[in-house]
């Protein structure tokens, strides 16, 4: 496996960050020679680590949908580890790696470990593509997303208290008629440096899938773009910059009280 060029020095750090999911992924020009049997062949190369398999509808970029009108879209395949907390999503133009917190006591393994694992299996996939004459992986986009779950009772009790979570989003409670809103959403978009793409922050209220009684705010920070080249060996700088923006952005956007009292900022 290649060396991982990710620098964590000087970044804000937390003992108990509210991270529920981390997504590392790339999109690339479709591998037109890849067929359904190739999914199984690749799965066999990593099946000891990812013994479970599921199907999912393919992810399609709306602005590129016309390219698929004369083709039969291949399904998206999920390859899942024994603990169900690691997931590889594979289709003929995407490779996505997910870490997910499924239990409250699941510890976030930290970005450098997640990214190293993502690169390990991505390089295995690249080797498989080359050995089976499926073409070249020409990357046209990268994604790094952090999904945070902030539960009711952890710094807030109703939607009107969203300002206790976010610095720049608030609800002024002194109203003559309207109560606190049942739903509060906020989206902010920032340009990444060096034409690397954009960082989107999206806050919304929801309920936990595994516990419908538990209300949460979902704060998702998602970087998307490309920079430095379209080969797998070129992507470290993009993920390094995007990770720094997500971590610093999370710290800039959220309130210091909740950072210190609940998430244990160091």
C-alpha atoms as a PDB file:
ATOM      1  CA  UNK A   1       0.000   0.000   0.000  1.00  0.00           C
ATOM      2  CA  UNK A   2       1.236   3.507  -0.792  1.00  0.00           C
ATOM      3  CA  UNK A   3       2.224   5.996   1.905  1.00  0.00           C
ATOM      4  CA  UNK A   4      -0.636   8.164   3.170  1.00  0.00           C
ATOM      5  CA  UNK A   5       0.117  11.891   3.057  1.00  0.00           C
ATOM      6  CA  UNK A   6      -2.370  13.226   5.611  1.00  0.00           C
ATOM      7  CA  UNK A   7      -1.308  15.842   8.168  1.00  0.00           C
ATOM      8  CA  UNK A   8      -3.361  16.121  11.378  1.00  0.00           C
ATOM      9  CA  UNK A   9      -1.076  18.586  13.166  1.00  0.00           C
ATOM     10  CA  UNK A  10      -2.773  21.599  14.723  1.00  0.00           C
ATOM     11  CA  UNK A  11      -6.347  20.480  14.039  1.00  0.00           C
ATOM     12  CA  UNK A  12      -9.069  20.730  16.718  1.00  0.00           C
ATOM     13  CA  UNK A  13      -9.585  17.411  18.478  1.00  0.00           C
ATOM     14  CA  UNK A  14     -12.414  15.976  20.587  1.00  0.00           C
ATOM     15  CA  UNK A  15     -12.644  13.097  23.063  1.00  0.00           C
ATOM     16  CA  UNK A  16     -16.236  12.218  22.090  1.00  0.00           C
ATOM     17  CA  UNK A  17     -17.124  13.780  18.748  1.00  0.00           C
ATOM     18  CA  UNK A  18     -20.753  13.239  17.645  1.00  0.00           C
ATOM     19  CA  UNK A  19     -19.649  11.570  14.397  1.00  0.00           C
ATOM     20  CA  UNK A  20     -22.083   8.938  13.133  1.00  0.00           C
ATOM     21  CA  UNK A  21     -20.632   8.259   9.680  1.00  0.00           C
ATOM     22  CA  UNK A  22     -17.597   9.082   7.536  1.00  0.00           C
ATOM     23  CA  UNK A  23     -17.685   8.710   3.752  1.00  0.00           C
ATOM     24  CA  UNK A  24     -14.593   8.620   1.521  1.00  0.00           C
ATOM     25  CA  UNK A  25     -15.277   8.159  -2.158  1.00  0.00           C
ATOM     26  CA  UNK A  26     -14.316   8.770  -5.751  1.00  0.00           C
ATOM     27  CA  UNK A  27     -16.270   8.879  -8.980  1.00  0.00           C
ATOM     28  CA  UNK A  28     -14.610   8.093 -12.296  1.00  0.00           C
ATOM     29  CA  UNK A  29     -15.289   7.626 -15.981  1.00  0.00           C
ATOM     30  CA  UNK A  30     -17.491   4.520 -16.444  1.00  0.00           C
ATOM     31  CA  UNK A  31     -15.656   1.232 -16.890  1.00  0.00           C
ATOM     32  CA  UNK A  32     -17.721   0.054 -19.844  1.00  0.00           C
ATOM     33  CA  UNK A  33     -16.074  -3.372 -19.859  1.00  0.00           C
ATOM     34  CA  UNK A  34     -17.095  -4.088 -16.273  1.00  0.00           C
ATOM     35  CA  UNK A  35     -20.006  -6.520 -16.060  1.00  0.00           C
ATOM     36  CA  UNK A  36     -21.998  -8.005 -13.190  1.00  0.00           C
ATOM     37  CA  UNK A  37     -19.708 -11.092 -12.856  1.00  0.00           C
ATOM     38  CA  UNK A  38     -16.784  -8.764 -12.159  1.00  0.00           C
ATOM     39  CA  UNK A  39     -18.468  -7.677  -8.936  1.00  0.00           C
ATOM     40  CA  UNK A  40     -18.277 -11.248  -7.688  1.00  0.00           C
ATOM     41  CA  UNK A  41     -14.700 -11.695  -8.853  1.00  0.00           C
ATOM     42  CA  UNK A  42     -13.594  -8.572  -6.992  1.00  0.00           C
ATOM     43  CA  UNK A  43     -15.614  -9.556  -3.935  1.00  0.00           C
ATOM     44  CA  UNK A  44     -13.662 -12.824  -3.778  1.00  0.00           C
ATOM     45  CA  UNK A  45     -10.409 -10.861  -3.421  1.00  0.00           C
ATOM     46  CA  UNK A  46     -11.618  -9.131  -0.211  1.00  0.00           C
ATOM     47  CA  UNK A  47     -14.339 -11.510   0.961  1.00  0.00           C
ATOM     48  CA  UNK A  48     -12.445 -12.491   4.100  1.00  0.00           C
ATOM     49  CA  UNK A  49     -12.695  -8.861   5.262  1.00  0.00           C
ATOM     50  CA  UNK A  50     -16.147  -8.121   3.777  1.00  0.00           C
ATOM     51  CA  UNK A  51     -18.153 -11.369   3.910  1.00  0.00           C
ATOM     52  CA  UNK A  52     -21.619  -9.839   3.387  1.00  0.00           C
ATOM     53  CA  UNK A  53     -23.077  -8.512   0.145  1.00  0.00           C
ATOM     54  CA  UNK A  54     -26.192  -6.500  -0.756  1.00  0.00           C
ATOM     55  CA  UNK A  55     -27.579  -4.780  -3.852  1.00  0.00           C
ATOM     56  CA  UNK A  56     -28.657  -1.146  -4.091  1.00  0.00           C
ATOM     57  CA  UNK A  57     -29.907   1.104  -6.928  1.00  0.00           C
ATOM     58  CA  UNK A  58     -27.062   2.783  -8.821  1.00  0.00           C
ATOM     59  CA  UNK A  59     -26.095   6.345  -7.981  1.00  0.00           C
ATOM     60  CA  UNK A  60     -26.635   8.569 -11.017  1.00  0.00           C
ATOM     61  CA  UNK A  61     -25.502  12.159 -11.505  1.00  0.00           C
ATOM     62  CA  UNK A  62     -28.521  14.043 -12.828  1.00  0.00           C
ATOM     63  CA  UNK A  63     -26.369  16.154 -15.133  1.00  0.00           C
ATOM     64  CA  UNK A  64     -24.889  12.990 -16.668  1.00  0.00           C
ATOM     65  CA  UNK A  65     -28.060  10.921 -16.743  1.00  0.00           C
ATOM     66  CA  UNK A  66     -28.377  11.270 -20.517  1.00  0.00           C
ATOM     67  CA  UNK A  67     -25.200   9.231 -20.902  1.00  0.00           C
ATOM     68  CA  UNK A  68     -27.042   6.196 -19.539  1.00  0.00           C
ATOM     69  CA  UNK A  69     -30.144   6.313 -21.715  1.00  0.00           C
ATOM     70  CA  UNK A  70     -28.855   3.666 -24.158  1.00  0.00           C
ATOM     71  CA  UNK A  71     -27.221   1.506 -21.513  1.00  0.00           C
ATOM     72  CA  UNK A  72     -28.507  -0.957 -18.948  1.00  0.00           C
ATOM     73  CA  UNK A  73     -27.324   0.497 -15.630  1.00  0.00           C
ATOM     74  CA  UNK A  74     -25.467  -1.974 -13.444  1.00  0.00           C
ATOM     75  CA  UNK A  75     -26.566  -2.203  -9.813  1.00  0.00           C
ATOM     76  CA  UNK A  76     -24.580  -0.766  -6.952  1.00  0.00           C
ATOM     77  CA  UNK A  77     -23.088  -3.457  -4.722  1.00  0.00           C
ATOM     78  CA  UNK A  78     -22.542  -3.121  -0.978  1.00  0.00           C
ATOM     79  CA  UNK A  79     -19.724  -5.200   0.508  1.00  0.00           C
ATOM     80  CA  UNK A  80     -20.038  -5.227   4.303  1.00  0.00           C
ATOM     81  CA  UNK A  81     -17.684  -6.387   7.046  1.00  0.00           C
ATOM     82  CA  UNK A  82     -18.621  -8.766   9.866  1.00  0.00           C
ATOM     83  CA  UNK A  83     -19.346  -5.940  12.306  1.00  0.00           C
ATOM     84  CA  UNK A  84     -21.535  -4.121   9.737  1.00  0.00           C
ATOM     85  CA  UNK A  85     -19.743  -0.858  10.492  1.00  0.00           C
ATOM     86  CA  UNK A  86     -17.539  -0.821   7.365  1.00  0.00           C
ATOM     87  CA  UNK A  87     -19.063  -0.709   3.911  1.00  0.00           C
ATOM     88  CA  UNK A  88     -17.662  -0.579   0.383  1.00  0.00           C
ATOM     89  CA  UNK A  89     -20.078   0.692  -2.268  1.00  0.00           C
ATOM     90  CA  UNK A  90     -19.091  -0.302  -5.778  1.00  0.00           C
ATOM     91  CA  UNK A  91     -20.474   0.419  -9.225  1.00  0.00           C
ATOM     92  CA  UNK A  92     -18.845   0.888 -12.612  1.00  0.00           C
ATOM     93  CA  UNK A  93     -18.136   4.581 -12.000  1.00  0.00           C
ATOM     94  CA  UNK A  94     -17.841   4.858  -8.209  1.00  0.00           C
ATOM     95  CA  UNK A  95     -15.902   3.480  -5.261  1.00  0.00           C
ATOM     96  CA  UNK A  96     -17.142   4.609  -1.844  1.00  0.00           C
ATOM     97  CA  UNK A  97     -15.953   3.580   1.609  1.00  0.00           C
ATOM     98  CA  UNK A  98     -18.120   4.168   4.704  1.00  0.00           C
ATOM     99  CA  UNK A  99     -17.463   3.903   8.402  1.00  0.00           C
ATOM    100  CA  UNK A 100     -20.714   3.906  10.422  1.00  0.00           C
ATOM    101  CA  UNK A 101     -21.456   4.070  14.138  1.00  0.00           C
ATOM    102  CA  UNK A 102     -24.144   1.425  14.694  1.00  0.00           C
ATOM    103  CA  UNK A 103     -23.927   1.223  18.493  1.00  0.00           C
ATOM    104  CA  UNK A 104     -23.561   4.034  20.980  1.00  0.00           C
ATOM    105  CA  UNK A 105     -20.300   2.544  22.307  1.00  0.00           C
ATOM    106  CA  UNK A 106     -18.681   2.257  18.853  1.00  0.00           C
ATOM    107  CA  UNK A 107     -15.531   4.365  18.974  1.00  0.00           C
ATOM    108  CA  UNK A 108     -14.703   6.634  16.060  1.00  0.00           C
ATOM    109  CA  UNK A 109     -11.412   5.224  14.715  1.00  0.00           C
ATOM    110  CA  UNK A 110     -10.102   8.634  13.569  1.00  0.00           C
ATOM    111  CA  UNK A 111      -9.687   9.884  10.049  1.00  0.00           C
ATOM    112  CA  UNK A 112      -6.161   8.697   9.311  1.00  0.00           C
ATOM    113  CA  UNK A 113      -7.171   5.079  10.002  1.00  0.00           C
ATOM    114  CA  UNK A 114     -10.354   5.360   7.923  1.00  0.00           C
ATOM    115  CA  UNK A 115      -8.550   7.006   5.024  1.00  0.00           C
ATOM    116  CA  UNK A 116      -5.710   4.449   5.070  1.00  0.00           C
ATOM    117  CA  UNK A 117      -8.274   1.629   4.892  1.00  0.00           C
ATOM    118  CA  UNK A 118     -10.123   3.398   2.061  1.00  0.00           C
ATOM    119  CA  UNK A 119      -6.886   3.723   0.063  1.00  0.00           C
ATOM    120  CA  UNK A 120      -5.948   0.094   0.789  1.00  0.00           C
ATOM    121  CA  UNK A 121      -9.132  -1.307  -0.742  1.00  0.00           C
ATOM    122  CA  UNK A 122      -9.246   1.295  -3.505  1.00  0.00           C
ATOM    123  CA  UNK A 123      -5.772   0.239  -4.616  1.00  0.00           C
ATOM    124  CA  UNK A 124      -6.888  -3.409  -4.509  1.00  0.00           C
ATOM    125  CA  UNK A 125      -9.788  -2.461  -6.781  1.00  0.00           C
ATOM    126  CA  UNK A 126      -7.476  -0.581  -9.145  1.00  0.00           C
ATOM    127  CA  UNK A 127      -5.218  -3.632  -9.348  1.00  0.00           C
ATOM    128  CA  UNK A 128      -8.254  -5.825 -10.097  1.00  0.00           C
ATOM    129  CA  UNK A 129      -9.391  -3.460 -12.872  1.00  0.00           C
ATOM    130  CA  UNK A 130      -5.943  -3.532 -14.512  1.00  0.00           C
ATOM    131  CA  UNK A 131      -5.500  -7.293 -14.208  1.00  0.00           C
ATOM    132  CA  UNK A 132      -8.893  -7.913 -15.825  1.00  0.00           C
ATOM    133  CA  UNK A 133      -8.412  -5.413 -18.684  1.00  0.00           C
ATOM    134  CA  UNK A 134     -11.386  -3.308 -17.614  1.00  0.00           C
ATOM    135  CA  UNK A 135      -9.742  -0.006 -18.532  1.00  0.00           C
ATOM    136  CA  UNK A 136      -8.179   2.792 -16.495  1.00  0.00           C
ATOM    137  CA  UNK A 137      -9.681   4.514 -13.469  1.00  0.00           C
ATOM    138  CA  UNK A 138      -9.866   8.173 -14.506  1.00  0.00           C
ATOM    139  CA  UNK A 139     -11.167  10.093 -11.501  1.00  0.00           C
ATOM    140  CA  UNK A 140     -13.584  12.970 -12.134  1.00  0.00           C
ATOM    141  CA  UNK A 141     -14.623  13.691  -8.548  1.00  0.00           C
ATOM    142  CA  UNK A 142     -13.797  13.056  -4.884  1.00  0.00           C
ATOM    143  CA  UNK A 143     -16.017  13.169  -1.810  1.00  0.00           C
ATOM    144  CA  UNK A 144     -15.346  13.367   1.907  1.00  0.00           C
ATOM    145  CA  UNK A 145     -18.382  13.620   4.186  1.00  0.00           C
ATOM    146  CA  UNK A 146     -18.813  13.645   7.953  1.00  0.00           C
ATOM    147  CA  UNK A 147     -22.289  13.010   9.370  1.00  0.00           C
ATOM    148  CA  UNK A 148     -22.823  14.106  12.989  1.00  0.00           C
ATOM    149  CA  UNK A 149     -25.810  13.118  15.150  1.00  0.00           C
ATOM    150  CA  UNK A 150     -26.609  15.570  17.959  1.00  0.00           C
ATOM    151  CA  UNK A 151     -29.331  14.027  20.126  1.00  0.00           C
ATOM    152  CA  UNK A 152     -32.138  15.843  21.879  1.00  0.00           C
ATOM    153  CA  UNK A 153     -31.091  16.367  25.472  1.00  0.00           C
ATOM    154  CA  UNK A 154     -27.463  16.858  24.481  1.00  0.00           C
ATOM    155  CA  UNK A 155     -27.329  20.642  24.508  1.00  0.00           C
ATOM    156  CA  UNK A 156     -30.842  21.260  23.143  1.00  0.00           C
ATOM    157  CA  UNK A 157     -34.465  20.364  23.946  1.00  0.00           C
ATOM    158  CA  UNK A 158     -36.483  21.881  21.069  1.00  0.00           C
ATOM    159  CA  UNK A 159     -35.875  23.285  17.591  1.00  0.00           C
ATOM    160  CA  UNK A 160     -35.968  26.824  18.894  1.00  0.00           C
ATOM    161  CA  UNK A 161     -32.704  26.089  20.730  1.00  0.00           C
ATOM    162  CA  UNK A 162     -30.769  25.385  17.542  1.00  0.00           C
ATOM    163  CA  UNK A 163     -28.588  28.365  18.465  1.00  0.00           C
ATOM    164  CA  UNK A 164     -27.147  26.303  21.317  1.00  0.00           C
ATOM    165  CA  UNK A 165     -25.630  24.041  18.666  1.00  0.00           C
ATOM    166  CA  UNK A 166     -24.760  26.440  15.843  1.00  0.00           C
ATOM    167  CA  UNK A 167     -23.102  29.846  16.100  1.00  0.00           C
ATOM    168  CA  UNK A 168     -24.689  31.369  12.998  1.00  0.00           C
ATOM    169  CA  UNK A 169     -28.165  29.776  13.130  1.00  0.00           C
ATOM    170  CA  UNK A 170     -30.729  30.814  15.734  1.00  0.00           C
ATOM    171  CA  UNK A 171     -34.418  31.282  16.460  1.00  0.00           C
ATOM    172  CA  UNK A 172     -35.491  34.422  18.291  1.00  0.00           C
ATOM    173  CA  UNK A 173     -38.060  33.141  20.786  1.00  0.00           C
ATOM    174  CA  UNK A 174     -39.732  36.499  21.557  1.00  0.00           C
ATOM    175  CA  UNK A 175     -42.583  36.117  19.062  1.00  0.00           C
ATOM    176  CA  UNK A 176     -46.132  37.400  19.387  1.00  0.00           C
ATOM    177  CA  UNK A 177     -47.720  34.372  17.741  1.00  0.00           C
ATOM    178  CA  UNK A 178     -45.423  31.638  16.348  1.00  0.00           C
ATOM    179  CA  UNK A 179     -44.067  28.958  18.687  1.00  0.00           C
ATOM    180  CA  UNK A 180     -40.654  27.337  18.211  1.00  0.00           C
ATOM    181  CA  UNK A 181     -40.577  25.641  14.794  1.00  0.00           C
ATOM    182  CA  UNK A 182     -40.956  21.894  14.581  1.00  0.00           C
ATOM    183  CA  UNK A 183     -38.463  21.808  11.701  1.00  0.00           C
ATOM    184  CA  UNK A 184     -35.339  23.908  11.277  1.00  0.00           C
ATOM    185  CA  UNK A 185     -32.897  23.420   8.376  1.00  0.00           C
ATOM    186  CA  UNK A 186     -29.863  25.409   7.314  1.00  0.00           C
ATOM    187  CA  UNK A 187     -27.438  24.970   4.392  1.00  0.00           C
ATOM    188  CA  UNK A 188     -24.173  26.830   3.886  1.00  0.00           C
ATOM    189  CA  UNK A 189     -21.729  26.399   0.966  1.00  0.00           C
ATOM    190  CA  UNK A 190     -18.069  27.452   0.980  1.00  0.00           C
ATOM    191  CA  UNK A 191     -15.435  27.392  -1.769  1.00  0.00           C
ATOM    192  CA  UNK A 192     -12.433  25.179  -1.057  1.00  0.00           C
ATOM    193  CA  UNK A 193      -9.018  26.688  -1.828  1.00  0.00           C
ATOM    194  CA  UNK A 194      -7.056  26.059  -5.040  1.00  0.00           C
ATOM    195  CA  UNK A 195     -10.228  25.296  -7.039  1.00  0.00           C
ATOM    196  CA  UNK A 196     -10.597  22.023  -5.135  1.00  0.00           C
ATOM    197  CA  UNK A 197     -14.395  22.250  -5.108  1.00  0.00           C
ATOM    198  CA  UNK A 198     -16.798  23.157  -2.322  1.00  0.00           C
ATOM    199  CA  UNK A 199     -17.688  22.377   1.273  1.00  0.00           C
ATOM    200  CA  UNK A 200     -21.379  22.147   2.168  1.00  0.00           C
ATOM    201  CA  UNK A 201     -22.726  22.286   5.705  1.00  0.00           C
ATOM    202  CA  UNK A 202     -26.303  21.026   6.087  1.00  0.00           C
ATOM    203  CA  UNK A 203     -28.200  20.992   9.378  1.00  0.00           C
ATOM    204  CA  UNK A 204     -31.567  19.252   9.648  1.00  0.00           C
ATOM    205  CA  UNK A 205     -33.789  17.677  12.254  1.00  0.00           C
ATOM    206  CA  UNK A 206     -34.634  13.964  12.079  1.00  0.00           C
ATOM    207  CA  UNK A 207     -35.225  10.822  14.134  1.00  0.00           C
ATOM    208  CA  UNK A 208     -32.831   7.943  14.630  1.00  0.00           C
ATOM    209  CA  UNK A 209     -33.634   4.995  12.354  1.00  0.00           C
ATOM    210  CA  UNK A 210     -32.992   2.501  15.148  1.00  0.00           C
ATOM    211  CA  UNK A 211     -34.987   4.530  17.705  1.00  0.00           C
ATOM    212  CA  UNK A 212     -37.833   6.576  16.249  1.00  0.00           C
ATOM    213  CA  UNK A 213     -38.480   8.194  19.632  1.00  0.00           C
ATOM    214  CA  UNK A 214     -35.028   9.785  19.609  1.00  0.00           C
ATOM    215  CA  UNK A 215     -34.977  13.200  17.937  1.00  0.00           C
ATOM    216  CA  UNK A 216     -31.634  14.368  16.569  1.00  0.00           C
ATOM    217  CA  UNK A 217     -30.062  17.148  14.625  1.00  0.00           C
ATOM    218  CA  UNK A 218     -27.984  15.871  11.729  1.00  0.00           C
ATOM    219  CA  UNK A 219     -25.058  18.114  10.894  1.00  0.00           C
ATOM    220  CA  UNK A 220     -23.420  16.964   7.665  1.00  0.00           C
ATOM    221  CA  UNK A 221     -20.211  18.496   6.362  1.00  0.00           C
ATOM    222  CA  UNK A 222     -19.480  17.332   2.819  1.00  0.00           C
ATOM    223  CA  UNK A 223     -16.570  18.278   0.571  1.00  0.00           C
ATOM    224  CA  UNK A 224     -16.802  17.504  -3.138  1.00  0.00           C
ATOM    225  CA  UNK A 225     -14.451  18.325  -5.973  1.00  0.00           C
ATOM    226  CA  UNK A 226     -11.107  17.376  -7.504  1.00  0.00           C
ATOM    227  CA  UNK A 227      -7.593  18.669  -7.441  1.00  0.00           C
ATOM    228  CA  UNK A 228      -4.067  17.667  -8.314  1.00  0.00           C
ATOM    229  CA  UNK A 229      -4.789  14.987 -10.925  1.00  0.00           C
ATOM    230  CA  UNK A 230      -7.163  12.225 -11.930  1.00  0.00           C
ATOM    231  CA  UNK A 231      -5.181   9.183 -10.770  1.00  0.00           C
ATOM    232  CA  UNK A 232      -5.549   7.326  -7.482  1.00  0.00           C
ATOM    233  CA  UNK A 233      -2.001   8.299  -6.586  1.00  0.00           C
ATOM    234  CA  UNK A 234      -2.947  11.982  -6.866  1.00  0.00           C
ATOM    235  CA  UNK A 235      -5.833  12.206  -4.397  1.00  0.00           C
ATOM    236  CA  UNK A 236      -4.065  12.510  -1.013  1.00  0.00           C
ATOM    237  CA  UNK A 237      -3.670  16.331  -1.190  1.00  0.00           C
ATOM    238  CA  UNK A 238      -7.374  16.781  -1.957  1.00  0.00           C
ATOM    239  CA  UNK A 239      -8.469  14.609   0.971  1.00  0.00           C
ATOM    240  CA  UNK A 240      -5.934  16.296   3.253  1.00  0.00           C
ATOM    241  CA  UNK A 241      -7.285  19.775   2.439  1.00  0.00           C
ATOM    242  CA  UNK A 242     -10.920  18.637   2.607  1.00  0.00           C
ATOM    243  CA  UNK A 243     -10.402  16.966   5.978  1.00  0.00           C
ATOM    244  CA  UNK A 244      -8.824  20.123   7.399  1.00  0.00           C
ATOM    245  CA  UNK A 245     -11.743  22.211   6.148  1.00  0.00           C
ATOM    246  CA  UNK A 246     -14.313  19.811   7.591  1.00  0.00           C
ATOM    247  CA  UNK A 247     -12.661  19.648  11.030  1.00  0.00           C
ATOM    248  CA  UNK A 248     -11.996  23.379  11.240  1.00  0.00           C
ATOM    249  CA  UNK A 249     -15.407  24.114   9.735  1.00  0.00           C
ATOM    250  CA  UNK A 250     -17.162  21.962  12.319  1.00  0.00           C
ATOM    251  CA  UNK A 251     -15.341  23.846  15.063  1.00  0.00           C
ATOM    252  CA  UNK A 252     -16.104  27.238  13.509  1.00  0.00           C
ATOM    253  CA  UNK A 253     -19.804  26.464  13.051  1.00  0.00           C
ATOM    254  CA  UNK A 254     -20.657  24.903  16.426  1.00  0.00           C
ATOM    255  CA  UNK A 255     -20.872  26.565  19.823  1.00  0.00           C
ATOM    256  CA  UNK A 256     -17.949  26.428  22.245  1.00  0.00           C
ATOM    257  CA  UNK A 257     -20.122  25.351  25.194  1.00  0.00           C
ATOM    258  CA  UNK A 258     -21.321  22.166  23.511  1.00  0.00           C
ATOM    259  CA  UNK A 259     -17.823  21.488  22.195  1.00  0.00           C
ATOM    260  CA  UNK A 260     -16.340  21.630  25.681  1.00  0.00           C
ATOM    261  CA  UNK A 261     -19.136  20.198  27.834  1.00  0.00           C
ATOM    262  CA  UNK A 262     -20.379  17.347  25.619  1.00  0.00           C
ATOM    263  CA  UNK A 263     -17.729  16.551  23.017  1.00  0.00           C
ATOM    264  CA  UNK A 264     -14.679  17.121  25.182  1.00  0.00           C
ATOM    265  CA  UNK A 265     -12.666  19.453  23.034  1.00  0.00           C
ATOM    266  CA  UNK A 266      -8.986  19.035  23.907  1.00  0.00           C
END
